[in-house]
Amino acid sequence: MPPEMTHIWRWRKWLPARFGQPCRVITTGTLNSALVEFADGCRVVTSRYAVKKL
């Protein structure tokens, strides 16, 4: 069973193919950063502003 996706990717400028896709925030770090994982297993370190809670 895949992990529950709790956020939506909302930036079109970075990773435009991922716009609107569900994801989950694995952890948050300093300087407003977050490790985000998509349903296919791709992980990205990005700003917390790039994702929005469902």
PDB file of N, CA and C in Angstrom:
ATOM      1  N   MET A   1       0.844  -1.177   0.000  1.00  0.00           N
ATOM      2  CA  MET A   1       0.000   0.000   0.000  1.00  0.00           C
ATOM      3  C   MET A   1       0.896   1.249   0.000  1.00  0.00           C
ATOM      4  N   PRO A   2       0.651   2.208  -0.911  1.00  0.00           N
ATOM      5  CA  PRO A   2       1.476   3.418  -0.959  1.00  0.00           C
ATOM      6  C   PRO A   2       1.193   4.309   0.240  1.00  0.00           C
ATOM      7  N   PRO A   3       2.182   5.108   0.641  1.00  0.00           N
ATOM      8  CA  PRO A   3       1.959   6.017   1.766  1.00  0.00           C
ATOM      9  C   PRO A   3       0.917   7.067   1.420  1.00  0.00           C
ATOM     10  N   GLU A   4       0.273   7.561   2.431  1.00  0.00           N
ATOM     11  CA  GLU A   4      -0.781   8.551   2.204  1.00  0.00           C
ATOM     12  C   GLU A   4      -0.195   9.881   1.752  1.00  0.00           C
ATOM     13  N   MET A   5      -0.722  10.394   0.675  1.00  0.00           N
ATOM     14  CA  MET A   5      -0.272  11.664   0.130  1.00  0.00           C
ATOM     15  C   MET A   5      -1.078  12.779   0.798  1.00  0.00           C
ATOM     16  N   THR A   6      -0.386  13.706   1.428  1.00  0.00           N
ATOM     17  CA  THR A   6      -1.055  14.727   2.227  1.00  0.00           C
ATOM     18  C   THR A   6      -0.923  16.129   1.648  1.00  0.00           C
ATOM     19  N   HIS A   7      -0.143  16.298   0.574  1.00  0.00           N
ATOM     20  CA  HIS A   7       0.111  17.617   0.000  1.00  0.00           C
ATOM     21  C   HIS A   7      -0.040  17.570  -1.520  1.00  0.00           C
ATOM     22  N   ILE A   8      -0.058  18.751  -2.134  1.00  0.00           N
ATOM     23  CA  ILE A   8      -0.128  18.908  -3.596  1.00  0.00           C
ATOM     24  C   ILE A   8       1.046  19.785  -4.021  1.00  0.00           C
ATOM     25  N   TRP A   9       1.723  19.378  -5.110  1.00  0.00           N
ATOM     26  CA  TRP A   9       2.801  20.204  -5.670  1.00  0.00           C
ATOM     27  C   TRP A   9       2.160  21.367  -6.396  1.00  0.00           C
ATOM     28  N   ARG A  10       2.594  22.605  -6.107  1.00  0.00           N
ATOM     29  CA  ARG A  10       1.897  23.760  -6.673  1.00  0.00           C
ATOM     30  C   ARG A  10       2.751  24.706  -7.496  1.00  0.00           C
ATOM     31  N   TRP A  11       4.022  24.416  -7.711  1.00  0.00           N
ATOM     32  CA  TRP A  11       4.881  25.296  -8.506  1.00  0.00           C
ATOM     33  C   TRP A  11       4.992  24.781  -9.933  1.00  0.00           C
ATOM     34  N   ARG A  12       4.666  25.628 -10.905  1.00  0.00           N
ATOM     35  CA  ARG A  12       4.828  25.267 -12.319  1.00  0.00           C
ATOM     36  C   ARG A  12       6.212  25.595 -12.840  1.00  0.00           C
ATOM     37  N   LYS A  13       6.880  26.578 -12.226  1.00  0.00           N
ATOM     38  CA  LYS A  13       8.189  26.992 -12.709  1.00  0.00           C
ATOM     39  C   LYS A  13       9.231  25.900 -12.499  1.00  0.00           C
ATOM     40  N   TRP A  14       9.211  25.246 -11.338  1.00  0.00           N
ATOM     41  CA  TRP A  14      10.101  24.124 -11.057  1.00  0.00           C
ATOM     42  C   TRP A  14       9.286  22.850 -11.096  1.00  0.00           C
ATOM     43  N   LEU A  15       9.750  21.880 -11.846  1.00  0.00           N
ATOM     44  CA  LEU A  15       9.049  20.602 -12.051  1.00  0.00           C
ATOM     45  C   LEU A  15       7.637  20.818 -12.601  1.00  0.00           C
ATOM     46  N   PRO A  16       7.516  21.444 -13.765  1.00  0.00           N
ATOM     47  CA  PRO A  16       6.176  21.728 -14.300  1.00  0.00           C
ATOM     48  C   PRO A  16       5.361  20.468 -14.591  1.00  0.00           C
ATOM     49  N   ALA A  17       6.026  19.352 -14.862  1.00  0.00           N
ATOM     50  CA  ALA A  17       5.294  18.112 -15.125  1.00  0.00           C
ATOM     51  C   ALA A  17       4.631  17.575 -13.857  1.00  0.00           C
ATOM     52  N   ARG A  18       5.095  18.016 -12.699  1.00  0.00           N
ATOM     53  CA  ARG A  18       4.548  17.550 -11.420  1.00  0.00           C
ATOM     54  C   ARG A  18       3.433  18.444 -10.885  1.00  0.00           C
ATOM     55  N   PHE A  19       3.105  19.525 -11.577  1.00  0.00           N
ATOM     56  CA  PHE A  19       2.105  20.469 -11.084  1.00  0.00           C
ATOM     57  C   PHE A  19       0.785  19.757 -10.806  1.00  0.00           C
ATOM     58  N   GLY A  20       0.277  19.929  -9.589  1.00  0.00           N
ATOM     59  CA  GLY A  20      -1.004  19.340  -9.208  1.00  0.00           C
ATOM     60  C   GLY A  20      -0.923  17.905  -8.744  1.00  0.00           C
ATOM     61  N   GLN A  21       0.258  17.301  -8.755  1.00  0.00           N
ATOM     62  CA  GLN A  21       0.393  15.909  -8.335  1.00  0.00           C
ATOM     63  C   GLN A  21       0.424  15.799  -6.814  1.00  0.00           C
ATOM     64  N   PRO A  22      -0.174  14.747  -6.276  1.00  0.00           N
ATOM     65  CA  PRO A  22      -0.111  14.542  -4.830  1.00  0.00           C
ATOM     66  C   PRO A  22       1.286  14.119  -4.402  1.00  0.00           C
ATOM     67  N   CYS A  23       1.666  14.522  -3.204  1.00  0.00           N
ATOM     68  CA  CYS A  23       2.965  14.172  -2.649  1.00  0.00           C
ATOM     69  C   CYS A  23       2.842  14.171  -1.135  1.00  0.00           C
ATOM     70  N   ARG A  24       3.939  13.820  -0.472  1.00  0.00           N
ATOM     71  CA  ARG A  24       3.952  13.882   0.986  1.00  0.00           C
ATOM     72  C   ARG A  24       5.258  14.492   1.441  1.00  0.00           C
ATOM     73  N   VAL A  25       5.208  15.220   2.534  1.00  0.00           N
ATOM     74  CA  VAL A  25       6.398  15.822   3.113  1.00  0.00           C
ATOM     75  C   VAL A  25       6.968  14.812   4.097  1.00  0.00           C
ATOM     76  N   ILE A  26       8.192  14.358   3.834  1.00  0.00           N
ATOM     77  CA  ILE A  26       8.836  13.376   4.695  1.00  0.00           C
ATOM     78  C   ILE A  26       9.413  14.058   5.927  1.00  0.00           C
ATOM     79  N   THR A  27      10.133  15.146   5.709  1.00  0.00           N
ATOM     80  CA  THR A  27      10.721  15.890   6.816  1.00  0.00           C
ATOM     81  C   THR A  27      10.933  17.335   6.393  1.00  0.00           C
ATOM     82  N   THR A  28      11.090  18.205   7.388  1.00  0.00           N
ATOM     83  CA  THR A  28      11.391  19.603   7.124  1.00  0.00           C
ATOM     84  C   THR A  28      12.743  19.936   7.739  1.00  0.00           C
ATOM     85  N   GLY A  29      13.402  20.924   7.166  1.00  0.00           N
ATOM     86  CA  GLY A  29      14.723  21.295   7.636  1.00  0.00           C
ATOM     87  C   GLY A  29      14.838  22.784   7.868  1.00  0.00           C
ATOM     88  N   THR A  30      16.062  23.248   7.902  1.00  0.00           N
ATOM     89  CA  THR A  30      16.300  24.666   8.128  1.00  0.00           C
ATOM     90  C   THR A  30      16.061  25.451   6.842  1.00  0.00           C
ATOM     91  N   LEU A  31      15.978  26.747   6.992  1.00  0.00           N
ATOM     92  CA  LEU A  31      15.787  27.663   5.864  1.00  0.00           C
ATOM     93  C   LEU A  31      14.544  27.319   5.037  1.00  0.00           C
ATOM     94  N   ASN A  32      13.481  26.884   5.715  1.00  0.00           N
ATOM     95  CA  ASN A  32      12.192  26.618   5.073  1.00  0.00           C
ATOM     96  C   ASN A  32      12.265  25.525   4.014  1.00  0.00           C
ATOM     97  N   SER A  33      13.117  24.533   4.190  1.00  0.00           N
ATOM     98  CA  SER A  33      13.250  23.452   3.218  1.00  0.00           C
ATOM     99  C   SER A  33      12.445  22.232   3.656  1.00  0.00           C
ATOM    100  N   ALA A  34      12.125  21.389   2.683  1.00  0.00           N
ATOM    101  CA  ALA A  34      11.364  20.177   2.962  1.00  0.00           C
ATOM    102  C   ALA A  34      11.781  19.079   1.989  1.00  0.00           C
ATOM    103  N   LEU A  35      11.786  17.841   2.476  1.00  0.00           N
ATOM    104  CA  LEU A  35      12.011  16.682   1.622  1.00  0.00           C
ATOM    105  C   LEU A  35      10.644  16.147   1.250  1.00  0.00           C
ATOM    106  N   VAL A  36      10.354  16.144  -0.056  1.00  0.00           N
ATOM    107  CA  VAL A  36       9.039  15.783  -0.580  1.00  0.00           C
ATOM    108  C   VAL A  36       9.172  14.507  -1.392  1.00  0.00           C
ATOM    109  N   GLU A  37       8.214  13.600  -1.238  1.00  0.00           N
ATOM    110  CA  GLU A  37       8.207  12.352  -2.007  1.00  0.00           C
ATOM    111  C   GLU A  37       6.899  12.248  -2.780  1.00  0.00           C
ATOM    112  N   PHE A  38       7.014  11.900  -4.063  1.00  0.00           N
ATOM    113  CA  PHE A  38       5.842  11.701  -4.918  1.00  0.00           C
ATOM    114  C   PHE A  38       5.435  10.232  -4.906  1.00  0.00           C
ATOM    115  N   ALA A  39       4.294   9.923  -5.481  1.00  0.00           N
ATOM    116  CA  ALA A  39       3.760   8.564  -5.460  1.00  0.00           C
ATOM    117  C   ALA A  39       4.669   7.563  -6.166  1.00  0.00           C
ATOM    118  N   ASP A  40       5.425   8.021  -7.165  1.00  0.00           N
ATOM    119  CA  ASP A  40       6.301   7.100  -7.893  1.00  0.00           C
ATOM    120  C   ASP A  40       7.658   6.896  -7.209  1.00  0.00           C
ATOM    121  N   GLY A  41       7.862   7.524  -6.042  1.00  0.00           N
ATOM    122  CA  GLY A  41       9.095   7.342  -5.289  1.00  0.00           C
ATOM    123  C   GLY A  41      10.137   8.413  -5.504  1.00  0.00           C
ATOM    124  N   CYS A  42       9.896   9.340  -6.404  1.00  0.00           N
ATOM    125  CA  CYS A  42      10.832  10.444  -6.659  1.00  0.00           C
ATOM    126  C   CYS A  42      10.848  11.375  -5.456  1.00  0.00           C
ATOM    127  N   ARG A  43      12.067  11.713  -4.984  1.00  0.00           N
ATOM    128  CA  ARG A  43      12.214  12.604  -3.840  1.00  0.00           C
ATOM    129  C   ARG A  43      12.906  13.892  -4.267  1.00  0.00           C
ATOM    130  N   VAL A  44      12.444  15.017  -3.711  1.00  0.00           N
ATOM    131  CA  VAL A  44      12.960  16.332  -4.057  1.00  0.00           C
ATOM    132  C   VAL A  44      13.109  17.150  -2.778  1.00  0.00           C
ATOM    133  N   VAL A  45      14.230  17.857  -2.649  1.00  0.00           N
ATOM    134  CA  VAL A  45      14.385  18.834  -1.576  1.00  0.00           C
ATOM    135  C   VAL A  45      13.992  20.183  -2.154  1.00  0.00           C
ATOM    136  N   THR A  46      13.053  20.847  -1.517  1.00  0.00           N
ATOM    137  CA  THR A  46      12.503  22.081  -2.057  1.00  0.00           C
ATOM    138  C   THR A  46      12.058  23.008  -0.930  1.00  0.00           C
ATOM    139  N   SER A  47      11.522  24.137  -1.288  1.00  0.00           N
ATOM    140  CA  SER A  47      10.954  25.060  -0.317  1.00  0.00           C
ATOM    141  C   SER A  47       9.590  24.533   0.134  1.00  0.00           C
ATOM    142  N   ARG A  48       9.219  24.857   1.354  1.00  0.00           N
ATOM    143  CA  ARG A  48       7.905  24.437   1.842  1.00  0.00           C
ATOM    144  C   ARG A  48       6.783  25.165   1.125  1.00  0.00           C
ATOM    145  N   TYR A  49       7.082  26.284   0.479  1.00  0.00           N
ATOM    146  CA  TYR A  49       6.060  26.992  -0.306  1.00  0.00           C
ATOM    147  C   TYR A  49       5.685  26.258  -1.589  1.00  0.00           C
ATOM    148  N   ALA A  50       6.468  25.275  -1.990  1.00  0.00           N
ATOM    149  CA  ALA A  50       6.198  24.539  -3.220  1.00  0.00           C
ATOM    150  C   ALA A  50       5.066  23.539  -3.064  1.00  0.00           C
ATOM    151  N   VAL A  51       4.694  23.230  -1.823  1.00  0.00           N
ATOM    152  CA  VAL A  51       3.623  22.268  -1.583  1.00  0.00           C
ATOM    153  C   VAL A  51       2.505  22.918  -0.778  1.00  0.00           C
ATOM    154  N   LYS A  52       1.305  22.399  -0.968  1.00  0.00           N
ATOM    155  CA  LYS A  52       0.136  22.908  -0.259  1.00  0.00           C
ATOM    156  C   LYS A  52      -0.591  21.725   0.353  1.00  0.00           C
ATOM    157  N   LYS A  53      -1.047  21.874   1.590  1.00  0.00           N
ATOM    158  CA  LYS A  53      -1.798  20.803   2.244  1.00  0.00           C
ATOM    159  C   LYS A  53      -3.127  20.564   1.532  1.00  0.00           C
ATOM    160  N   LEU A  54      -3.551  19.317   1.497  1.00  0.00           N
ATOM    161  CA  LEU A  54      -4.838  18.984   0.890  1.00  0.00           C
ATOM    162  C   LEU A  54      -5.995  19.488   1.719  1.00  0.00           C
TER     163      LEU A  54
END
